[in-house]
Amino acid sequence: MENQKLINGAKEILKPFLEEKNLVLYDVDVVKEDGNLILRILIDNPSGLIDLNALAEANEYVSDRIDKYDADMPEYMLEVSSPGAERELRTNEDILKSIEKYIHVETPNMIYEGVLKEVSEEEIVVRINLKGRFKNQSINRKEIDLIRLAVKF
């Protein structure tokens, strides 16, 4: 209950900042790591590239305001970062924006990595490399357990 209060407070506080800076909220969560409560805020630029200055500004903005929001919030540490280069593609819009990008897809029976080529309501098509041969692999969207951007090595 207190965690949800902290999450909702952070979201409310961030709205004007994000609008002013043309940034998007990817996620807000409260996690416990090594006995510490962490308010984790992930923000991004609509282009997918956010700079450290924007993250530092967001951290300062939230830090200056959240304690004033509600004095009885639990003790926590604040962490503001980007969702990272290998962020999960959570929405259909995220997936559509990732056409021609290198992705990682997990299904119950397989793991695929390749370039996302096509997206429809029923399936996605990923261009994968099979021992030097490229193949377009269709994957039923209902079978996808995880889809995220990937970094190609």
C-alpha atoms as a PDB file:
ATOM      1  CA  MET A   1       0.000   0.000   0.000  1.00  0.00           C
ATOM      2  CA  GLU A   2       2.744   2.469   0.942  1.00  0.00           C
ATOM      3  CA  ASN A   3       4.704   1.401  -2.144  1.00  0.00           C
ATOM      4  CA  GLN A   4       1.767   2.222  -4.403  1.00  0.00           C
ATOM      5  CA  LYS A   5       1.446   5.602  -2.686  1.00  0.00           C
ATOM      6  CA  LEU A   6       5.114   6.293  -3.431  1.00  0.00           C
ATOM      7  CA  ILE A   7       4.731   5.170  -7.065  1.00  0.00           C
ATOM      8  CA  ASN A   8       1.626   7.303  -7.587  1.00  0.00           C
ATOM      9  CA  GLY A   9       3.307  10.292  -5.947  1.00  0.00           C
ATOM     10  CA  ALA A  10       6.332   9.979  -8.224  1.00  0.00           C
ATOM     11  CA  LYS A  11       4.127   9.735 -11.322  1.00  0.00           C
ATOM     12  CA  GLU A  12       2.137  12.806 -10.320  1.00  0.00           C
ATOM     13  CA  ILE A  13       5.250  14.824  -9.549  1.00  0.00           C
ATOM     14  CA  LEU A  14       6.924  13.858 -12.834  1.00  0.00           C
ATOM     15  CA  LYS A  15       4.065  14.764 -15.201  1.00  0.00           C
ATOM     16  CA  PRO A  16       4.866  18.470 -15.656  1.00  0.00           C
ATOM     17  CA  PHE A  17       8.608  17.823 -15.890  1.00  0.00           C
ATOM     18  CA  LEU A  18       8.185  15.145 -18.554  1.00  0.00           C
ATOM     19  CA  GLU A  19       5.825  17.314 -20.592  1.00  0.00           C
ATOM     20  CA  GLU A  20       8.145  20.311 -20.408  1.00  0.00           C
ATOM     21  CA  LYS A  21      11.217  18.288 -21.416  1.00  0.00           C
ATOM     22  CA  ASN A  22       9.384  16.152 -24.006  1.00  0.00           C
ATOM     23  CA  LEU A  23      10.287  12.923 -22.203  1.00  0.00           C
ATOM     24  CA  VAL A  24       8.237   9.793 -21.534  1.00  0.00           C
ATOM     25  CA  LEU A  25       7.779   7.724 -18.409  1.00  0.00           C
ATOM     26  CA  TYR A  26       8.719   4.122 -19.082  1.00  0.00           C
ATOM     27  CA  ASP A  27       8.168   2.729 -15.586  1.00  0.00           C
ATOM     28  CA  VAL A  28       8.042   3.537 -11.886  1.00  0.00           C
ATOM     29  CA  ASP A  29       8.512   0.774  -9.359  1.00  0.00           C
ATOM     30  CA  VAL A  30       9.503   0.225  -5.762  1.00  0.00           C
ATOM     31  CA  VAL A  31      11.900  -2.667  -5.233  1.00  0.00           C
ATOM     32  CA  LYS A  32      13.777  -4.029  -2.261  1.00  0.00           C
ATOM     33  CA  GLU A  33      17.454  -4.787  -2.842  1.00  0.00           C
ATOM     34  CA  ASP A  34      19.954  -5.675  -0.118  1.00  0.00           C
ATOM     35  CA  GLY A  35      17.437  -4.587   2.509  1.00  0.00           C
ATOM     36  CA  ASN A  36      17.014  -1.135   0.945  1.00  0.00           C
ATOM     37  CA  LEU A  37      13.794   0.200  -0.524  1.00  0.00           C
ATOM     38  CA  ILE A  38      14.448   1.767  -3.932  1.00  0.00           C
ATOM     39  CA  LEU A  39      12.097   4.037  -5.844  1.00  0.00           C
ATOM     40  CA  ARG A  40      13.149   3.213  -9.404  1.00  0.00           C
ATOM     41  CA  ILE A  41      12.060   5.634 -12.129  1.00  0.00           C
ATOM     42  CA  LEU A  42      12.784   4.866 -15.766  1.00  0.00           C
ATOM     43  CA  ILE A  43      12.375   7.717 -18.243  1.00  0.00           C
ATOM     44  CA  ASP A  44      13.125   7.970 -21.906  1.00  0.00           C
ATOM     45  CA  ASN A  45      13.211  10.282 -24.858  1.00  0.00           C
ATOM     46  CA  PRO A  46      10.634   9.453 -27.579  1.00  0.00           C
ATOM     47  CA  SER A  47      13.600   8.898 -29.923  1.00  0.00           C
ATOM     48  CA  GLY A  48      14.915   6.197 -27.575  1.00  0.00           C
ATOM     49  CA  LEU A  49      18.092   8.130 -26.763  1.00  0.00           C
ATOM     50  CA  ILE A  50      18.160  10.022 -23.479  1.00  0.00           C
ATOM     51  CA  ASP A  51      21.220  11.852 -22.227  1.00  0.00           C
ATOM     52  CA  LEU A  52      22.703  11.874 -18.750  1.00  0.00           C
ATOM     53  CA  ASN A  53      21.853  15.541 -18.221  1.00  0.00           C
ATOM     54  CA  ALA A  54      18.145  14.827 -18.641  1.00  0.00           C
ATOM     55  CA  LEU A  55      18.385  11.940 -16.164  1.00  0.00           C
ATOM     56  CA  ALA A  56      20.228  14.117 -13.647  1.00  0.00           C
ATOM     57  CA  GLU A  57      17.625  16.887 -14.038  1.00  0.00           C
ATOM     58  CA  ALA A  58      14.799  14.391 -13.518  1.00  0.00           C
ATOM     59  CA  ASN A  59      16.505  13.000 -10.407  1.00  0.00           C
ATOM     60  CA  GLU A  60      16.928  16.472  -8.933  1.00  0.00           C
ATOM     61  CA  TYR A  61      13.358  17.448  -9.860  1.00  0.00           C
ATOM     62  CA  VAL A  62      11.827  14.402  -8.155  1.00  0.00           C
ATOM     63  CA  SER A  63      14.173  14.556  -5.179  1.00  0.00           C
ATOM     64  CA  ASP A  64      13.298  18.201  -4.476  1.00  0.00           C
ATOM     65  CA  ARG A  65       9.556  17.530  -4.555  1.00  0.00           C
ATOM     66  CA  ILE A  66       8.721  14.024  -3.416  1.00  0.00           C
ATOM     67  CA  ASP A  67       9.420  14.482   0.298  1.00  0.00           C
ATOM     68  CA  LYS A  68       7.036  17.447   0.302  1.00  0.00           C
ATOM     69  CA  TYR A  69       4.364  15.317  -1.356  1.00  0.00           C
ATOM     70  CA  ASP A  70       3.745  13.151   1.698  1.00  0.00           C
ATOM     71  CA  ALA A  71       5.773  13.264   4.884  1.00  0.00           C
ATOM     72  CA  ASP A  72       4.880   9.729   6.006  1.00  0.00           C
ATOM     73  CA  MET A  73       6.382   7.902   3.033  1.00  0.00           C
ATOM     74  CA  PRO A  74       8.776   5.082   3.926  1.00  0.00           C
ATOM     75  CA  GLU A  75      12.518   5.644   3.804  1.00  0.00           C
ATOM     76  CA  TYR A  76      13.843   4.844   0.339  1.00  0.00           C
ATOM     77  CA  MET A  77      16.623   5.529  -2.134  1.00  0.00           C
ATOM     78  CA  LEU A  78      15.817   7.279  -5.420  1.00  0.00           C
ATOM     79  CA  GLU A  79      17.126   5.881  -8.700  1.00  0.00           C
ATOM     80  CA  VAL A  80      16.391   7.624 -12.009  1.00  0.00           C
ATOM     81  CA  SER A  81      17.675   6.001 -15.184  1.00  0.00           C
ATOM     82  CA  SER A  82      16.816   5.039 -18.734  1.00  0.00           C
ATOM     83  CA  PRO A  83      15.200   1.711 -19.577  1.00  0.00           C
ATOM     84  CA  GLY A  84      18.473   0.757 -21.252  1.00  0.00           C
ATOM     85  CA  ALA A  85      19.584  -0.404 -24.659  1.00  0.00           C
ATOM     86  CA  GLU A  86      17.894  -3.779 -24.199  1.00  0.00           C
ATOM     87  CA  ARG A  87      14.550  -2.495 -22.999  1.00  0.00           C
ATOM     88  CA  GLU A  88      11.471  -4.673 -23.143  1.00  0.00           C
ATOM     89  CA  LEU A  89       9.013  -3.798 -25.889  1.00  0.00           C
ATOM     90  CA  ARG A  90       5.808  -3.580 -23.866  1.00  0.00           C
ATOM     91  CA  THR A  91       3.265  -2.144 -26.251  1.00  0.00           C
ATOM     92  CA  ASN A  92       2.321  -2.609 -29.863  1.00  0.00           C
ATOM     93  CA  GLU A  93       3.562   0.938 -30.451  1.00  0.00           C
ATOM     94  CA  ASP A  94       6.978  -0.011 -28.998  1.00  0.00           C
ATOM     95  CA  ILE A  95       7.121  -3.010 -31.328  1.00  0.00           C
ATOM     96  CA  LEU A  96       6.097  -0.982 -34.385  1.00  0.00           C
ATOM     97  CA  LYS A  97       8.747   1.650 -33.609  1.00  0.00           C
ATOM     98  CA  SER A  98      11.330  -1.155 -33.518  1.00  0.00           C
ATOM     99  CA  ILE A  99      10.961  -2.275 -37.127  1.00  0.00           C
ATOM    100  CA  GLU A 100      14.453  -2.555 -38.641  1.00  0.00           C
ATOM    101  CA  LYS A 101      16.026  -2.792 -35.184  1.00  0.00           C
ATOM    102  CA  TYR A 102      17.843  -5.794 -33.722  1.00  0.00           C
ATOM    103  CA  ILE A 103      15.604  -7.632 -31.254  1.00  0.00           C
ATOM    104  CA  HIS A 104      15.531 -10.636 -28.929  1.00  0.00           C
ATOM    105  CA  VAL A 105      12.369 -12.780 -28.831  1.00  0.00           C
ATOM    106  CA  GLU A 106      11.620 -15.638 -26.430  1.00  0.00           C
ATOM    107  CA  THR A 107       8.877 -18.208 -26.958  1.00  0.00           C
ATOM    108  CA  PRO A 108       8.256 -21.332 -24.860  1.00  0.00           C
ATOM    109  CA  ASN A 109      10.429 -23.412 -27.219  1.00  0.00           C
ATOM    110  CA  MET A 110      12.886 -21.046 -28.883  1.00  0.00           C
ATOM    111  CA  ILE A 111      14.941 -17.888 -28.591  1.00  0.00           C
ATOM    112  CA  TYR A 112      15.376 -15.737 -31.680  1.00  0.00           C
ATOM    113  CA  GLU A 113      17.624 -12.758 -32.330  1.00  0.00           C
ATOM    114  CA  GLY A 114      17.546 -10.761 -35.504  1.00  0.00           C
ATOM    115  CA  VAL A 115      16.188  -7.706 -37.257  1.00  0.00           C
ATOM    116  CA  LEU A 116      12.477  -7.065 -36.868  1.00  0.00           C
ATOM    117  CA  LYS A 117      11.103  -6.829 -40.410  1.00  0.00           C
ATOM    118  CA  GLU A 118       7.301  -6.937 -40.174  1.00  0.00           C
ATOM    119  CA  VAL A 119       4.572  -6.634 -37.574  1.00  0.00           C
ATOM    120  CA  SER A 120       0.922  -7.647 -37.825  1.00  0.00           C
ATOM    121  CA  GLU A 121      -1.753  -8.399 -35.245  1.00  0.00           C
ATOM    122  CA  GLU A 122      -1.056 -12.128 -35.518  1.00  0.00           C
ATOM    123  CA  GLU A 123       2.699 -12.348 -35.980  1.00  0.00           C
ATOM    124  CA  ILE A 124       6.048 -10.672 -36.263  1.00  0.00           C
ATOM    125  CA  VAL A 125       8.726 -11.461 -38.830  1.00  0.00           C
ATOM    126  CA  VAL A 126      12.347 -11.470 -37.736  1.00  0.00           C
ATOM    127  CA  ARG A 127      15.291 -11.795 -40.137  1.00  0.00           C
ATOM    128  CA  ILE A 128      17.612 -14.272 -38.426  1.00  0.00           C
ATOM    129  CA  ASN A 129      21.049 -15.603 -39.314  1.00  0.00           C
ATOM    130  CA  LEU A 130      21.236 -19.408 -39.449  1.00  0.00           C
ATOM    131  CA  LYS A 131      24.874 -20.394 -39.911  1.00  0.00           C
ATOM    132  CA  GLY A 132      25.548 -17.663 -42.457  1.00  0.00           C
ATOM    133  CA  ARG A 133      22.179 -17.914 -44.189  1.00  0.00           C
ATOM    134  CA  PHE A 134      19.538 -15.299 -43.581  1.00  0.00           C
ATOM    135  CA  LYS A 135      15.941 -16.367 -43.164  1.00  0.00           C
ATOM    136  CA  ASN A 136      12.727 -14.517 -42.366  1.00  0.00           C
ATOM    137  CA  GLN A 137      11.195 -16.249 -39.350  1.00  0.00           C
ATOM    138  CA  SER A 138       7.505 -15.725 -38.587  1.00  0.00           C
ATOM    139  CA  ILE A 139       6.632 -15.832 -34.897  1.00  0.00           C
ATOM    140  CA  ASN A 140       3.061 -16.018 -33.622  1.00  0.00           C
ATOM    141  CA  ARG A 141       2.532 -13.092 -31.241  1.00  0.00           C
ATOM    142  CA  LYS A 142       0.496 -15.267 -28.854  1.00  0.00           C
ATOM    143  CA  GLU A 143       3.571 -17.443 -28.311  1.00  0.00           C
ATOM    144  CA  ILE A 144       5.907 -14.571 -27.385  1.00  0.00           C
ATOM    145  CA  ASP A 145       6.945 -14.625 -23.722  1.00  0.00           C
ATOM    146  CA  LEU A 146       9.414 -11.738 -24.065  1.00  0.00           C
ATOM    147  CA  ILE A 147      10.349  -9.297 -26.788  1.00  0.00           C
ATOM    148  CA  ARG A 148      13.039  -6.671 -26.250  1.00  0.00           C
ATOM    149  CA  LEU A 149      15.648  -4.671 -28.091  1.00  0.00           C
ATOM    150  CA  ALA A 150      19.024  -6.381 -28.234  1.00  0.00           C
ATOM    151  CA  VAL A 151      22.613  -5.329 -28.734  1.00  0.00           C
ATOM    152  CA  LYS A 152      24.325  -7.257 -31.496  1.00  0.00           C
ATOM    153  CA  PHE A 153      27.847  -8.437 -30.711  1.00  0.00           C
END
